[in-house]
Amino acid sequence: MSKKIEVAVCGAHMSGLALNYQLVELHATLLKATKTAKGYRLFDIPDKVPARPGMIRDQKSAVSLELEVWSMPLENFGAFMMKIVSPLCIGSVILEDESVVYGFLCESDYLIGAKEITGYGGWREYLTTK
């Protein structure tokens, strides 16, 4: 039995969105739709095709953001990491149940001047306004 790693996705990698195929091709399976713990902010990263958000940890934020947690065979995680380009990166994400998984975060310098979309509560809700 292969070992698995849990990966939280909050944007274009979510089910049915533009980059979800990258997870599926690496034999990842959806575990659950959930939210982050309070303390995150979300931004629309400018000039990215396909469009995607950048999430940062900010303990002053009172918002929980929607995301999905996927289970991926550990041996495929390196191949997944090779597809992730700056300003996105993988780090620790705290979920609403206080568990911690790996997930997408964003380098904060790239968000200077970016549109903050935290108030939408997640990427899917924001996309309905575009």
C-alpha atoms as a PDB file:
ATOM      1  CA  MET A   1       0.000   0.000   0.000  1.00  0.00           C
ATOM      2  CA  SER A   2       1.476   3.337  -1.018  1.00  0.00           C
ATOM      3  CA  LYS A   3       1.770   6.199   1.414  1.00  0.00           C
ATOM      4  CA  LYS A   4      -0.419   9.252   0.832  1.00  0.00           C
ATOM      5  CA  ILE A   5      -0.044  12.981   1.398  1.00  0.00           C
ATOM      6  CA  GLU A   6      -2.948  15.356   1.923  1.00  0.00           C
ATOM      7  CA  VAL A   7      -2.920  18.545  -0.160  1.00  0.00           C
ATOM      8  CA  ALA A   8      -5.290  21.499   0.292  1.00  0.00           C
ATOM      9  CA  VAL A   9      -6.255  23.429  -2.830  1.00  0.00           C
ATOM     10  CA  CYS A  10      -8.108  26.742  -2.806  1.00  0.00           C
ATOM     11  CA  GLY A  11      -8.269  27.811  -6.447  1.00  0.00           C
ATOM     12  CA  ALA A  12      -7.765  26.545  -9.988  1.00  0.00           C
ATOM     13  CA  HIS A  13      -6.953  23.001  -8.764  1.00  0.00           C
ATOM     14  CA  MET A  14     -10.388  22.560  -7.154  1.00  0.00           C
ATOM     15  CA  SER A  15     -12.885  20.059  -8.618  1.00  0.00           C
ATOM     16  CA  GLY A  16     -14.135  21.084 -12.042  1.00  0.00           C
ATOM     17  CA  LEU A  17     -11.745  24.030 -12.400  1.00  0.00           C
ATOM     18  CA  ALA A  18      -8.983  24.624 -14.944  1.00  0.00           C
ATOM     19  CA  LEU A  19      -6.029  22.898 -13.238  1.00  0.00           C
ATOM     20  CA  ASN A  20      -7.865  20.066 -11.481  1.00  0.00           C
ATOM     21  CA  TYR A  21      -6.608  17.660 -14.144  1.00  0.00           C
ATOM     22  CA  GLN A  22      -3.095  17.981 -12.641  1.00  0.00           C
ATOM     23  CA  LEU A  23      -4.316  16.307  -9.461  1.00  0.00           C
ATOM     24  CA  VAL A  24      -6.352  13.682 -11.291  1.00  0.00           C
ATOM     25  CA  GLU A  25      -3.441  12.742 -13.589  1.00  0.00           C
ATOM     26  CA  LEU A  26      -1.321  12.081 -10.485  1.00  0.00           C
ATOM     27  CA  HIS A  27      -3.989   9.766  -9.044  1.00  0.00           C
ATOM     28  CA  ALA A  28      -5.111  12.163  -6.322  1.00  0.00           C
ATOM     29  CA  THR A  29      -8.590  11.684  -4.890  1.00  0.00           C
ATOM     30  CA  LEU A  30     -10.860  14.242  -3.284  1.00  0.00           C
ATOM     31  CA  LEU A  31     -11.170  13.668   0.467  1.00  0.00           C
ATOM     32  CA  LYS A  32     -13.395  16.568   1.448  1.00  0.00           C
ATOM     33  CA  ALA A  33     -14.532  20.121   0.891  1.00  0.00           C
ATOM     34  CA  THR A  34     -13.821  22.161   4.010  1.00  0.00           C
ATOM     35  CA  LYS A  35     -12.518  25.520   5.178  1.00  0.00           C
ATOM     36  CA  THR A  36      -9.344  26.929   6.616  1.00  0.00           C
ATOM     37  CA  ALA A  37      -9.200  27.963  10.221  1.00  0.00           C
ATOM     38  CA  LYS A  38      -9.824  31.674  10.723  1.00  0.00           C
ATOM     39  CA  GLY A  39      -6.749  33.699   9.883  1.00  0.00           C
ATOM     40  CA  TYR A  40      -6.330  33.623   6.106  1.00  0.00           C
ATOM     41  CA  ARG A  41      -6.688  36.157   3.293  1.00  0.00           C
ATOM     42  CA  LEU A  42      -7.274  35.564  -0.431  1.00  0.00           C
ATOM     43  CA  PHE A  43      -6.201  37.618  -3.449  1.00  0.00           C
ATOM     44  CA  ASP A  44      -6.755  37.437  -7.207  1.00  0.00           C
ATOM     45  CA  ILE A  45      -3.216  37.069  -8.577  1.00  0.00           C
ATOM     46  CA  PRO A  46      -2.913  39.414 -11.559  1.00  0.00           C
ATOM     47  CA  ASP A  47      -1.911  38.207 -15.031  1.00  0.00           C
ATOM     48  CA  LYS A  48      -2.183  34.459 -14.386  1.00  0.00           C
ATOM     49  CA  VAL A  49      -3.684  32.191 -17.033  1.00  0.00           C
ATOM     50  CA  PRO A  50      -5.694  30.371 -15.997  1.00  0.00           C
ATOM     51  CA  ALA A  51      -6.796  32.770 -13.279  1.00  0.00           C
ATOM     52  CA  ARG A  52      -5.929  31.686  -9.759  1.00  0.00           C
ATOM     53  CA  PRO A  53      -5.897  33.018  -6.236  1.00  0.00           C
ATOM     54  CA  GLY A  54      -3.123  33.542  -3.743  1.00  0.00           C
ATOM     55  CA  MET A  55      -3.792  32.688  -0.100  1.00  0.00           C
ATOM     56  CA  ILE A  56      -1.733  33.992   2.789  1.00  0.00           C
ATOM     57  CA  ARG A  57      -1.839  33.404   6.524  1.00  0.00           C
ATOM     58  CA  ASP A  58      -2.773  36.529   8.502  1.00  0.00           C
ATOM     59  CA  GLN A  59      -3.683  35.871  12.118  1.00  0.00           C
ATOM     60  CA  LYS A  60      -5.532  39.212  12.243  1.00  0.00           C
ATOM     61  CA  SER A  61      -8.068  37.954   9.692  1.00  0.00           C
ATOM     62  CA  ALA A  62     -11.351  36.663  11.119  1.00  0.00           C
ATOM     63  CA  VAL A  63     -12.178  34.792   7.899  1.00  0.00           C
ATOM     64  CA  SER A  64     -12.211  31.079   7.044  1.00  0.00           C
ATOM     65  CA  LEU A  65     -11.778  30.276   3.349  1.00  0.00           C
ATOM     66  CA  GLU A  66     -13.289  27.424   1.361  1.00  0.00           C
ATOM     67  CA  LEU A  67     -10.944  24.788  -0.003  1.00  0.00           C
ATOM     68  CA  GLU A  68     -10.673  21.107  -0.871  1.00  0.00           C
ATOM     69  CA  VAL A  69      -8.372  18.470   0.589  1.00  0.00           C
ATOM     70  CA  TRP A  70      -7.027  15.854  -1.815  1.00  0.00           C
ATOM     71  CA  SER A  71      -5.109  12.669  -1.062  1.00  0.00           C
ATOM     72  CA  MET A  72      -2.163  12.001  -3.375  1.00  0.00           C
ATOM     73  CA  PRO A  73       0.245   9.068  -3.544  1.00  0.00           C
ATOM     74  CA  LEU A  74       3.441  10.306  -1.900  1.00  0.00           C
ATOM     75  CA  GLU A  75       5.547   9.126  -4.849  1.00  0.00           C
ATOM     76  CA  ASN A  76       3.629  11.576  -7.114  1.00  0.00           C
ATOM     77  CA  PHE A  77       4.078  14.632  -4.902  1.00  0.00           C
ATOM     78  CA  GLY A  78       7.431  15.624  -6.459  1.00  0.00           C
ATOM     79  CA  ALA A  79       5.873  15.622  -9.925  1.00  0.00           C
ATOM     80  CA  PHE A  80       3.071  17.816  -8.571  1.00  0.00           C
ATOM     81  CA  MET A  81       5.564  20.254  -7.010  1.00  0.00           C
ATOM     82  CA  MET A  82       7.279  20.636 -10.402  1.00  0.00           C
ATOM     83  CA  LYS A  83       4.012  22.084 -11.782  1.00  0.00           C
ATOM     84  CA  ILE A  84       3.785  24.806  -9.120  1.00  0.00           C
ATOM     85  CA  VAL A  85       5.281  28.112 -10.191  1.00  0.00           C
ATOM     86  CA  SER A  86       5.966  31.318  -8.309  1.00  0.00           C
ATOM     87  CA  PRO A  87       4.293  33.121  -6.666  1.00  0.00           C
ATOM     88  CA  LEU A  88       2.480  29.999  -5.484  1.00  0.00           C
ATOM     89  CA  CYS A  89       4.154  27.586  -3.113  1.00  0.00           C
ATOM     90  CA  ILE A  90       3.275  24.753  -0.749  1.00  0.00           C
ATOM     91  CA  GLY A  91       3.231  25.253   3.009  1.00  0.00           C
ATOM     92  CA  SER A  92       1.283  24.293   6.107  1.00  0.00           C
ATOM     93  CA  VAL A  93      -2.417  25.175   6.075  1.00  0.00           C
ATOM     94  CA  ILE A  94      -4.542  24.989   9.211  1.00  0.00           C
ATOM     95  CA  LEU A  95      -8.053  23.645   8.628  1.00  0.00           C
ATOM     96  CA  GLU A  96     -11.208  24.590  10.513  1.00  0.00           C
ATOM     97  CA  ASP A  97     -10.953  21.387  12.572  1.00  0.00           C
ATOM     98  CA  GLU A  98      -7.428  22.535  13.609  1.00  0.00           C
ATOM     99  CA  SER A  99      -5.692  19.767  11.649  1.00  0.00           C
ATOM    100  CA  VAL A 100      -2.746  20.806   9.490  1.00  0.00           C
ATOM    101  CA  VAL A 101      -2.173  19.729   5.892  1.00  0.00           C
ATOM    102  CA  TYR A 102       0.103  20.844   3.089  1.00  0.00           C
ATOM    103  CA  GLY A 103      -1.518  23.355   0.786  1.00  0.00           C
ATOM    104  CA  PHE A 104      -1.179  26.248  -1.595  1.00  0.00           C
ATOM    105  CA  LEU A 105       0.072  29.542  -0.217  1.00  0.00           C
ATOM    106  CA  CYS A 106       1.352  32.641  -1.984  1.00  0.00           C
ATOM    107  CA  GLU A 107       4.521  34.686  -1.682  1.00  0.00           C
ATOM    108  CA  SER A 108       3.224  37.931  -0.193  1.00  0.00           C
ATOM    109  CA  ASP A 109       5.381  40.325  -2.248  1.00  0.00           C
ATOM    110  CA  TYR A 110       3.476  39.308  -5.378  1.00  0.00           C
ATOM    111  CA  LEU A 111       0.210  40.432  -3.821  1.00  0.00           C
ATOM    112  CA  ILE A 112       1.147  44.092  -3.499  1.00  0.00           C
ATOM    113  CA  GLY A 113      -1.552  45.872  -5.506  1.00  0.00           C
ATOM    114  CA  ALA A 114      -3.512  42.650  -6.122  1.00  0.00           C
ATOM    115  CA  LYS A 115      -7.273  42.646  -5.618  1.00  0.00           C
ATOM    116  CA  GLU A 116      -8.181  41.236  -2.208  1.00  0.00           C
ATOM    117  CA  ILE A 117     -11.097  38.809  -2.453  1.00  0.00           C
ATOM    118  CA  THR A 118     -11.173  37.482   1.121  1.00  0.00           C
ATOM    119  CA  GLY A 119     -14.710  38.777   1.619  1.00  0.00           C
ATOM    120  CA  TYR A 120     -16.067  36.274  -0.915  1.00  0.00           C
ATOM    121  CA  GLY A 121     -15.055  33.402   1.366  1.00  0.00           C
ATOM    122  CA  GLY A 122     -13.411  31.440  -1.422  1.00  0.00           C
ATOM    123  CA  TRP A 123     -12.370  31.262  -5.047  1.00  0.00           C
ATOM    124  CA  ARG A 124     -15.566  29.652  -6.387  1.00  0.00           C
ATOM    125  CA  GLU A 125     -17.774  32.383  -4.958  1.00  0.00           C
ATOM    126  CA  TYR A 126     -15.467  35.056  -6.355  1.00  0.00           C
ATOM    127  CA  LEU A 127     -15.562  33.446  -9.827  1.00  0.00           C
ATOM    128  CA  THR A 128     -19.345  33.887  -9.906  1.00  0.00           C
ATOM    129  CA  THR A 129     -18.755  37.662  -9.949  1.00  0.00           C
ATOM    130  CA  LYS A 130     -16.211  37.720 -12.791  1.00  0.00           C
END
